[in-house]
């Protein structure tokens, strides 16, 4: 149920909560990244229908462990960073269940990139978020540049990466980089309200939505159009679709069906 001193996992109904507790500031390195991937897999095996990633510490994440950079500096960029950044991002973005990131406190550098790989992002009103790698003489190493470009445009991506500022979440919500800003004291309740709504939905259809969105982002609308029929086949075979159609017919219109996630 947990990786001691790194990540705690518990089930809250059909929602798996992954709580980062890697002191002092949930710095991203092999320990935390491996724990997240491992516990995502465990959550799915345990029957989760949605996942929440949040912090049990004062801040969401203050970025990467800078010790990872030493060998790269010494070897002038030759070799490996010590973590598989792209592999980690793909593990989250191809994960079949919806993942909700719940941010409070500081969320910068790799912490921001972790959030960007999730499907729904909530932030407390007083959190501070940004790509601050330029303060170290770097730029974002784990996908922020391209994902911000994709979602908010090239000008915003360059602004965030080059100026290395910390932004209030209302600004990033306006730019389309996060979904929702809530008062600090309501963050946990709102996070699990959203996660429970996702978990109660048609899981197979949600998986197909994630897959099709990823193709549209990576390859374009035409490629997504071409892939759509094949991706939708599991939906047509799902029990949840039969449940939804039956509920619609019995009520004479749209209604709240109770889905089983299969």
C-alpha atoms as a PDB file:
ATOM      1  CA  UNK A   1       0.000   0.000   0.000  1.00  0.00           C
ATOM      2  CA  UNK A   2       3.006   2.343   0.138  1.00  0.00           C
ATOM      3  CA  UNK A   3       6.700   2.859  -0.440  1.00  0.00           C
ATOM      4  CA  UNK A   4       7.951   3.825   3.001  1.00  0.00           C
ATOM      5  CA  UNK A   5       9.079   7.412   3.265  1.00  0.00           C
ATOM      6  CA  UNK A   6       8.338   8.065  -0.409  1.00  0.00           C
ATOM      7  CA  UNK A   7       4.706   7.455  -1.368  1.00  0.00           C
ATOM      8  CA  UNK A   8       1.572   6.346   0.438  1.00  0.00           C
ATOM      9  CA  UNK A   9      -1.296   4.678  -1.412  1.00  0.00           C
ATOM     10  CA  UNK A  10      -4.760   4.095  -0.089  1.00  0.00           C
ATOM     11  CA  UNK A  11      -8.121   3.322  -1.661  1.00  0.00           C
ATOM     12  CA  UNK A  12     -10.967   5.714  -1.046  1.00  0.00           C
ATOM     13  CA  UNK A  13     -13.816   3.798  -2.616  1.00  0.00           C
ATOM     14  CA  UNK A  14     -12.977   3.424  -6.305  1.00  0.00           C
ATOM     15  CA  UNK A  15     -10.382   6.218  -6.128  1.00  0.00           C
ATOM     16  CA  UNK A  16      -6.729   5.456  -5.425  1.00  0.00           C
ATOM     17  CA  UNK A  17      -4.950   8.225  -3.526  1.00  0.00           C
ATOM     18  CA  UNK A  18      -1.204   8.439  -4.151  1.00  0.00           C
ATOM     19  CA  UNK A  19       0.245  10.777  -1.547  1.00  0.00           C
ATOM     20  CA  UNK A  20       3.853  11.899  -2.020  1.00  0.00           C
ATOM     21  CA  UNK A  21       5.738  12.060   1.300  1.00  0.00           C
ATOM     22  CA  UNK A  22       9.327  12.173   0.068  1.00  0.00           C
ATOM     23  CA  UNK A  23      11.034  14.691   2.346  1.00  0.00           C
ATOM     24  CA  UNK A  24      11.987  17.419   2.261  1.00  0.00           C
ATOM     25  CA  UNK A  25      10.057  18.630  -0.819  1.00  0.00           C
ATOM     26  CA  UNK A  26       9.024  15.633  -2.955  1.00  0.00           C
ATOM     27  CA  UNK A  27      12.066  16.060  -5.187  1.00  0.00           C
ATOM     28  CA  UNK A  28      11.799  13.968  -8.328  1.00  0.00           C
ATOM     29  CA  UNK A  29      14.403  11.281  -8.780  1.00  0.00           C
ATOM     30  CA  UNK A  30      14.504   7.502  -9.176  1.00  0.00           C
ATOM     31  CA  UNK A  31      12.897   6.816  -5.793  1.00  0.00           C
ATOM     32  CA  UNK A  32       9.790   8.946  -6.258  1.00  0.00           C
ATOM     33  CA  UNK A  33       9.282   8.360  -9.990  1.00  0.00           C
ATOM     34  CA  UNK A  34       9.633   4.588  -9.619  1.00  0.00           C
ATOM     35  CA  UNK A  35       7.234   4.624  -6.668  1.00  0.00           C
ATOM     36  CA  UNK A  36       4.591   6.544  -8.614  1.00  0.00           C
ATOM     37  CA  UNK A  37       4.731   4.161 -11.574  1.00  0.00           C
ATOM     38  CA  UNK A  38       4.717   1.106  -9.313  1.00  0.00           C
ATOM     39  CA  UNK A  39       1.774   2.320  -7.241  1.00  0.00           C
ATOM     40  CA  UNK A  40      -0.216   3.322 -10.333  1.00  0.00           C
ATOM     41  CA  UNK A  41       0.052  -0.280 -11.494  1.00  0.00           C
ATOM     42  CA  UNK A  42      -0.898  -1.557  -8.033  1.00  0.00           C
ATOM     43  CA  UNK A  43      -3.920   0.764  -7.906  1.00  0.00           C
ATOM     44  CA  UNK A  44      -5.209  -0.604 -11.188  1.00  0.00           C
ATOM     45  CA  UNK A  45      -4.766  -4.198 -10.007  1.00  0.00           C
ATOM     46  CA  UNK A  46      -6.678  -3.335  -6.844  1.00  0.00           C
ATOM     47  CA  UNK A  47      -9.665  -2.154  -8.873  1.00  0.00           C
ATOM     48  CA  UNK A  48      -9.266   1.621  -8.869  1.00  0.00           C
ATOM     49  CA  UNK A  49     -11.305   3.544 -11.441  1.00  0.00           C
ATOM     50  CA  UNK A  50      -9.495   6.888 -10.968  1.00  0.00           C
ATOM     51  CA  UNK A  51      -6.310   8.092  -9.283  1.00  0.00           C
ATOM     52  CA  UNK A  52      -5.382  11.210  -7.310  1.00  0.00           C
ATOM     53  CA  UNK A  53      -1.744  12.314  -7.011  1.00  0.00           C
ATOM     54  CA  UNK A  54      -1.203  14.793  -4.198  1.00  0.00           C
ATOM     55  CA  UNK A  55       1.336  15.743  -1.559  1.00  0.00           C
ATOM     56  CA  UNK A  56       1.349  14.949   2.133  1.00  0.00           C
ATOM     57  CA  UNK A  57       4.010  17.616   2.732  1.00  0.00           C
ATOM     58  CA  UNK A  58       3.942  21.412   2.759  1.00  0.00           C
ATOM     59  CA  UNK A  59       4.535  21.626  -1.009  1.00  0.00           C
ATOM     60  CA  UNK A  60       3.466  19.558  -4.004  1.00  0.00           C
ATOM     61  CA  UNK A  61       6.996  19.286  -5.425  1.00  0.00           C
ATOM     62  CA  UNK A  62      10.007  21.593  -5.649  1.00  0.00           C
ATOM     63  CA  UNK A  63      11.394  19.922  -8.771  1.00  0.00           C
ATOM     64  CA  UNK A  64      14.130  17.395  -9.413  1.00  0.00           C
ATOM     65  CA  UNK A  65      16.995  16.116  -7.286  1.00  0.00           C
ATOM     66  CA  UNK A  66      19.845  18.280  -8.548  1.00  0.00           C
ATOM     67  CA  UNK A  67      22.367  15.517  -7.844  1.00  0.00           C
ATOM     68  CA  UNK A  68      21.037  13.928 -11.034  1.00  0.00           C
ATOM     69  CA  UNK A  69      22.702  16.690 -13.022  1.00  0.00           C
ATOM     70  CA  UNK A  70      26.270  16.175 -11.779  1.00  0.00           C
ATOM     71  CA  UNK A  71      27.221  13.339 -14.124  1.00  0.00           C
ATOM     72  CA  UNK A  72      25.627  15.086 -17.092  1.00  0.00           C
ATOM     73  CA  UNK A  73      27.631  18.228 -16.395  1.00  0.00           C
ATOM     74  CA  UNK A  74      30.844  16.253 -16.017  1.00  0.00           C
ATOM     75  CA  UNK A  75      30.214  14.381 -19.281  1.00  0.00           C
ATOM     76  CA  UNK A  76      28.973  17.474 -21.140  1.00  0.00           C
ATOM     77  CA  UNK A  77      25.549  15.999 -21.775  1.00  0.00           C
ATOM     78  CA  UNK A  78      26.705  12.562 -22.854  1.00  0.00           C
ATOM     79  CA  UNK A  79      25.140   9.561 -21.178  1.00  0.00           C
ATOM     80  CA  UNK A  80      21.884   9.338 -19.263  1.00  0.00           C
ATOM     81  CA  UNK A  81      20.279  11.621 -16.716  1.00  0.00           C
ATOM     82  CA  UNK A  82      19.597   8.845 -14.222  1.00  0.00           C
ATOM     83  CA  UNK A  83      15.834   8.914 -14.719  1.00  0.00           C
ATOM     84  CA  UNK A  84      13.773   8.027 -17.776  1.00  0.00           C
ATOM     85  CA  UNK A  85      11.870  11.297 -18.169  1.00  0.00           C
ATOM     86  CA  UNK A  86      10.049  10.360 -21.362  1.00  0.00           C
ATOM     87  CA  UNK A  87       9.232   6.890 -20.091  1.00  0.00           C
ATOM     88  CA  UNK A  88       7.753   8.343 -16.907  1.00  0.00           C
ATOM     89  CA  UNK A  89       5.601  10.846 -18.801  1.00  0.00           C
ATOM     90  CA  UNK A  90       4.333   8.131 -21.120  1.00  0.00           C
ATOM     91  CA  UNK A  91       3.501   5.892 -18.170  1.00  0.00           C
ATOM     92  CA  UNK A  92       1.121   8.584 -16.899  1.00  0.00           C
ATOM     93  CA  UNK A  93      -0.236   9.728 -20.243  1.00  0.00           C
ATOM     94  CA  UNK A  94      -0.936   6.176 -21.449  1.00  0.00           C
ATOM     95  CA  UNK A  95      -2.312   5.005 -18.093  1.00  0.00           C
ATOM     96  CA  UNK A  96      -5.847   3.779 -18.816  1.00  0.00           C
ATOM     97  CA  UNK A  97      -7.524   5.480 -15.849  1.00  0.00           C
ATOM     98  CA  UNK A  98      -8.067   9.221 -15.274  1.00  0.00           C
ATOM     99  CA  UNK A  99      -5.359  10.795 -13.097  1.00  0.00           C
ATOM    100  CA  UNK A 100      -6.108  13.932 -11.072  1.00  0.00           C
ATOM    101  CA  UNK A 101      -3.253  16.147  -9.855  1.00  0.00           C
ATOM    102  CA  UNK A 102      -4.075  18.097  -6.681  1.00  0.00           C
ATOM    103  CA  UNK A 103      -1.592  20.932  -6.124  1.00  0.00           C
ATOM    104  CA  UNK A 104      -0.889  23.023  -3.052  1.00  0.00           C
ATOM    105  CA  UNK A 105       2.127  25.033  -1.997  1.00  0.00           C
ATOM    106  CA  UNK A 106       5.045  25.155  -4.426  1.00  0.00           C
ATOM    107  CA  UNK A 107       4.885  23.211  -7.676  1.00  0.00           C
ATOM    108  CA  UNK A 108       7.859  23.993  -9.889  1.00  0.00           C
ATOM    109  CA  UNK A 109      10.210  22.348 -12.353  1.00  0.00           C
ATOM    110  CA  UNK A 110       9.641  18.619 -12.522  1.00  0.00           C
ATOM    111  CA  UNK A 111       6.676  18.931 -10.172  1.00  0.00           C
ATOM    112  CA  UNK A 112       4.888  21.069 -12.747  1.00  0.00           C
ATOM    113  CA  UNK A 113       5.824  18.567 -15.454  1.00  0.00           C
ATOM    114  CA  UNK A 114       4.403  15.734 -13.356  1.00  0.00           C
ATOM    115  CA  UNK A 115       1.126  17.637 -13.114  1.00  0.00           C
ATOM    116  CA  UNK A 116       1.069  18.351 -16.852  1.00  0.00           C
ATOM    117  CA  UNK A 117       1.159  14.592 -17.509  1.00  0.00           C
ATOM    118  CA  UNK A 118      -2.075  14.130 -15.539  1.00  0.00           C
ATOM    119  CA  UNK A 119      -5.600  14.366 -16.959  1.00  0.00           C
ATOM    120  CA  UNK A 120      -7.158  16.923 -14.604  1.00  0.00           C
ATOM    121  CA  UNK A 121      -5.317  19.530 -12.519  1.00  0.00           C
ATOM    122  CA  UNK A 122      -6.731  21.292  -9.464  1.00  0.00           C
ATOM    123  CA  UNK A 123      -4.747  23.947  -7.600  1.00  0.00           C
ATOM    124  CA  UNK A 124      -5.227  25.717  -4.308  1.00  0.00           C
ATOM    125  CA  UNK A 125      -5.595  29.458  -4.758  1.00  0.00           C
ATOM    126  CA  UNK A 126      -2.362  30.251  -2.917  1.00  0.00           C
ATOM    127  CA  UNK A 127      -0.151  27.747  -4.724  1.00  0.00           C
ATOM    128  CA  UNK A 128       2.742  28.908  -6.903  1.00  0.00           C
ATOM    129  CA  UNK A 129       3.568  27.114 -10.127  1.00  0.00           C
ATOM    130  CA  UNK A 130       6.285  27.494 -12.715  1.00  0.00           C
ATOM    131  CA  UNK A 131       9.182  26.288 -14.819  1.00  0.00           C
ATOM    132  CA  UNK A 132      12.137  27.670 -12.887  1.00  0.00           C
ATOM    133  CA  UNK A 133      14.985  25.653 -14.393  1.00  0.00           C
ATOM    134  CA  UNK A 134      16.562  28.741 -15.999  1.00  0.00           C
ATOM    135  CA  UNK A 135      17.591  29.865 -12.510  1.00  0.00           C
ATOM    136  CA  UNK A 136      19.996  26.884 -12.543  1.00  0.00           C
ATOM    137  CA  UNK A 137      21.197  27.551 -16.070  1.00  0.00           C
ATOM    138  CA  UNK A 138      18.903  24.864 -17.490  1.00  0.00           C
ATOM    139  CA  UNK A 139      15.560  24.681 -19.201  1.00  0.00           C
ATOM    140  CA  UNK A 140      12.716  22.233 -18.461  1.00  0.00           C
ATOM    141  CA  UNK A 141      13.993  18.680 -18.942  1.00  0.00           C
ATOM    142  CA  UNK A 142      10.794  16.667 -18.562  1.00  0.00           C
ATOM    143  CA  UNK A 143       8.428  17.906 -21.220  1.00  0.00           C
ATOM    144  CA  UNK A 144       7.078  21.237 -19.983  1.00  0.00           C
ATOM    145  CA  UNK A 145       8.211  23.226 -23.027  1.00  0.00           C
ATOM    146  CA  UNK A 146       6.406  21.094 -25.565  1.00  0.00           C
ATOM    147  CA  UNK A 147       3.309  20.523 -23.442  1.00  0.00           C
ATOM    148  CA  UNK A 148       2.874  24.205 -22.633  1.00  0.00           C
ATOM    149  CA  UNK A 149       3.434  25.002 -26.325  1.00  0.00           C
ATOM    150  CA  UNK A 150       0.735  22.507 -27.237  1.00  0.00           C
ATOM    151  CA  UNK A 151      -1.797  23.828 -24.706  1.00  0.00           C
ATOM    152  CA  UNK A 152      -1.055  27.530 -24.326  1.00  0.00           C
ATOM    153  CA  UNK A 153       1.042  28.396 -27.380  1.00  0.00           C
ATOM    154  CA  UNK A 154       4.690  29.038 -28.152  1.00  0.00           C
ATOM    155  CA  UNK A 155       4.798  32.530 -26.643  1.00  0.00           C
ATOM    156  CA  UNK A 156       3.601  31.312 -23.240  1.00  0.00           C
ATOM    157  CA  UNK A 157       5.936  28.302 -23.326  1.00  0.00           C
ATOM    158  CA  UNK A 158       8.927  30.524 -23.995  1.00  0.00           C
ATOM    159  CA  UNK A 159       7.797  33.046 -21.379  1.00  0.00           C
ATOM    160  CA  UNK A 160       7.478  30.408 -18.667  1.00  0.00           C
ATOM    161  CA  UNK A 161      10.759  28.665 -19.487  1.00  0.00           C
ATOM    162  CA  UNK A 162      12.910  31.733 -20.159  1.00  0.00           C
ATOM    163  CA  UNK A 163      11.688  34.038 -17.385  1.00  0.00           C
ATOM    164  CA  UNK A 164      11.462  31.215 -14.816  1.00  0.00           C
ATOM    165  CA  UNK A 165       8.757  32.943 -12.803  1.00  0.00           C
ATOM    166  CA  UNK A 166       6.303  31.435 -10.361  1.00  0.00           C
ATOM    167  CA  UNK A 167       2.706  32.013 -11.424  1.00  0.00           C
ATOM    168  CA  UNK A 168      -0.529  32.152  -9.507  1.00  0.00           C
ATOM    169  CA  UNK A 169      -2.899  29.360 -10.541  1.00  0.00           C
ATOM    170  CA  UNK A 170      -5.605  31.747 -11.770  1.00  0.00           C
ATOM    171  CA  UNK A 171      -3.221  32.877 -14.521  1.00  0.00           C
ATOM    172  CA  UNK A 172      -2.472  29.322 -15.601  1.00  0.00           C
ATOM    173  CA  UNK A 173      -6.161  28.452 -15.529  1.00  0.00           C
ATOM    174  CA  UNK A 174      -6.779  31.385 -17.890  1.00  0.00           C
ATOM    175  CA  UNK A 175      -4.036  30.073 -20.193  1.00  0.00           C
ATOM    176  CA  UNK A 176      -5.589  26.599 -20.299  1.00  0.00           C
ATOM    177  CA  UNK A 177      -2.817  24.850 -18.363  1.00  0.00           C
ATOM    178  CA  UNK A 178      -4.853  23.822 -15.322  1.00  0.00           C
ATOM    179  CA  UNK A 179      -8.514  22.952 -14.922  1.00  0.00           C
ATOM    180  CA  UNK A 180      -9.657  24.531 -11.691  1.00  0.00           C
ATOM    181  CA  UNK A 181      -8.578  26.821  -8.857  1.00  0.00           C
ATOM    182  CA  UNK A 182     -10.193  26.338  -5.458  1.00  0.00           C
ATOM    183  CA  UNK A 183      -9.803  27.888  -2.015  1.00  0.00           C
ATOM    184  CA  UNK A 184      -7.024  26.242  -0.045  1.00  0.00           C
ATOM    185  CA  UNK A 185      -9.379  24.858   2.579  1.00  0.00           C
ATOM    186  CA  UNK A 186     -11.581  23.205  -0.064  1.00  0.00           C
ATOM    187  CA  UNK A 187      -8.853  21.614  -2.175  1.00  0.00           C
ATOM    188  CA  UNK A 188      -9.017  18.101  -0.767  1.00  0.00           C
ATOM    189  CA  UNK A 189     -12.818  17.935  -0.830  1.00  0.00           C
ATOM    190  CA  UNK A 190     -13.041  19.273  -4.366  1.00  0.00           C
ATOM    191  CA  UNK A 191     -10.258  16.970  -5.553  1.00  0.00           C
ATOM    192  CA  UNK A 192     -12.051  13.863  -4.395  1.00  0.00           C
ATOM    193  CA  UNK A 193     -15.397  15.144  -5.621  1.00  0.00           C
ATOM    194  CA  UNK A 194     -13.939  15.306  -9.141  1.00  0.00           C
ATOM    195  CA  UNK A 195     -12.070  12.010  -8.767  1.00  0.00           C
ATOM    196  CA  UNK A 196     -15.180  10.210  -7.534  1.00  0.00           C
ATOM    197  CA  UNK A 197     -17.167  11.597 -10.459  1.00  0.00           C
ATOM    198  CA  UNK A 198     -14.522  10.254 -12.848  1.00  0.00           C
ATOM    199  CA  UNK A 199     -14.440   6.894 -11.062  1.00  0.00           C
ATOM    200  CA  UNK A 200     -18.215   6.581 -11.333  1.00  0.00           C
ATOM    201  CA  UNK A 201     -18.117   7.072 -15.096  1.00  0.00           C
ATOM    202  CA  UNK A 202     -17.746   4.554 -17.928  1.00  0.00           C
ATOM    203  CA  UNK A 203     -14.111   3.512 -17.488  1.00  0.00           C
ATOM    204  CA  UNK A 204     -13.675   1.945 -20.935  1.00  0.00           C
ATOM    205  CA  UNK A 205     -15.004   5.088 -22.605  1.00  0.00           C
ATOM    206  CA  UNK A 206     -12.664   7.225 -20.460  1.00  0.00           C
ATOM    207  CA  UNK A 207      -9.695   5.081 -21.542  1.00  0.00           C
ATOM    208  CA  UNK A 208     -10.670   5.580 -25.178  1.00  0.00           C
ATOM    209  CA  UNK A 209     -10.979   9.334 -24.618  1.00  0.00           C
ATOM    210  CA  UNK A 210      -7.447   9.507 -23.208  1.00  0.00           C
ATOM    211  CA  UNK A 211      -6.093   7.468 -26.114  1.00  0.00           C
ATOM    212  CA  UNK A 212      -7.844   9.511 -28.807  1.00  0.00           C
ATOM    213  CA  UNK A 213      -6.846  12.819 -27.217  1.00  0.00           C
ATOM    214  CA  UNK A 214      -3.232  11.714 -27.141  1.00  0.00           C
ATOM    215  CA  UNK A 215      -3.284  10.826 -30.840  1.00  0.00           C
ATOM    216  CA  UNK A 216      -4.892  14.170 -31.704  1.00  0.00           C
ATOM    217  CA  UNK A 217      -2.226  16.040 -29.725  1.00  0.00           C
ATOM    218  CA  UNK A 218       0.717  14.010 -31.018  1.00  0.00           C
ATOM    219  CA  UNK A 219      -0.300  13.340 -34.613  1.00  0.00           C
ATOM    220  CA  UNK A 220      -3.116  15.748 -35.444  1.00  0.00           C
ATOM    221  CA  UNK A 221      -6.886  15.662 -35.972  1.00  0.00           C
ATOM    222  CA  UNK A 222      -6.737  13.668 -39.207  1.00  0.00           C
ATOM    223  CA  UNK A 223      -4.787  10.866 -37.520  1.00  0.00           C
ATOM    224  CA  UNK A 224      -7.272  10.832 -34.654  1.00  0.00           C
ATOM    225  CA  UNK A 225     -10.151  10.631 -37.141  1.00  0.00           C
ATOM    226  CA  UNK A 226      -8.484   7.644 -38.796  1.00  0.00           C
ATOM    227  CA  UNK A 227      -7.909   5.901 -35.453  1.00  0.00           C
ATOM    228  CA  UNK A 228     -11.295   6.663 -33.943  1.00  0.00           C
ATOM    229  CA  UNK A 229     -13.283   3.607 -35.072  1.00  0.00           C
ATOM    230  CA  UNK A 230     -10.642   1.142 -33.841  1.00  0.00           C
ATOM    231  CA  UNK A 231     -10.238   2.912 -30.497  1.00  0.00           C
ATOM    232  CA  UNK A 232     -14.006   2.924 -29.981  1.00  0.00           C
ATOM    233  CA  UNK A 233     -14.462  -0.832 -30.493  1.00  0.00           C
ATOM    234  CA  UNK A 234     -14.055  -1.698 -26.774  1.00  0.00           C
ATOM    235  CA  UNK A 235     -16.776   0.845 -25.944  1.00  0.00           C
ATOM    236  CA  UNK A 236     -19.279  -0.939 -28.176  1.00  0.00           C
ATOM    237  CA  UNK A 237     -18.503  -4.207 -26.387  1.00  0.00           C
ATOM    238  CA  UNK A 238     -18.696  -2.724 -22.872  1.00  0.00           C
ATOM    239  CA  UNK A 239     -21.307  -3.521 -20.278  1.00  0.00           C
ATOM    240  CA  UNK A 240     -21.397   0.144 -19.279  1.00  0.00           C
ATOM    241  CA  UNK A 241     -22.729   1.131 -22.705  1.00  0.00           C
ATOM    242  CA  UNK A 242     -25.552  -1.389 -22.354  1.00  0.00           C
ATOM    243  CA  UNK A 243     -26.261   0.021 -18.886  1.00  0.00           C
ATOM    244  CA  UNK A 244     -26.325   3.595 -20.163  1.00  0.00           C
ATOM    245  CA  UNK A 245     -28.597   2.805 -23.102  1.00  0.00           C
ATOM    246  CA  UNK A 246     -30.960   0.819 -20.875  1.00  0.00           C
ATOM    247  CA  UNK A 247     -31.166   3.675 -18.369  1.00  0.00           C
ATOM    248  CA  UNK A 248     -31.856   6.139 -21.168  1.00  0.00           C
ATOM    249  CA  UNK A 249     -34.665   4.020 -22.609  1.00  0.00           C
ATOM    250  CA  UNK A 250     -36.295   3.295 -19.263  1.00  0.00           C
ATOM    251  CA  UNK A 251     -36.348   6.969 -18.264  1.00  0.00           C
ATOM    252  CA  UNK A 252     -37.306   8.321 -21.659  1.00  0.00           C
ATOM    253  CA  UNK A 253     -34.262  10.564 -21.857  1.00  0.00           C
ATOM    254  CA  UNK A 254     -30.828  11.367 -20.406  1.00  0.00           C
ATOM    255  CA  UNK A 255     -30.401  10.105 -16.853  1.00  0.00           C
ATOM    256  CA  UNK A 256     -27.699   9.172 -14.358  1.00  0.00           C
ATOM    257  CA  UNK A 257     -26.710   5.607 -15.124  1.00  0.00           C
ATOM    258  CA  UNK A 258     -24.802   3.554 -12.562  1.00  0.00           C
ATOM    259  CA  UNK A 259     -21.711   2.222 -14.301  1.00  0.00           C
ATOM    260  CA  UNK A 260     -19.593  -0.726 -13.192  1.00  0.00           C
ATOM    261  CA  UNK A 261     -16.481   0.284 -15.104  1.00  0.00           C
ATOM    262  CA  UNK A 262     -16.499  -2.636 -17.548  1.00  0.00           C
END
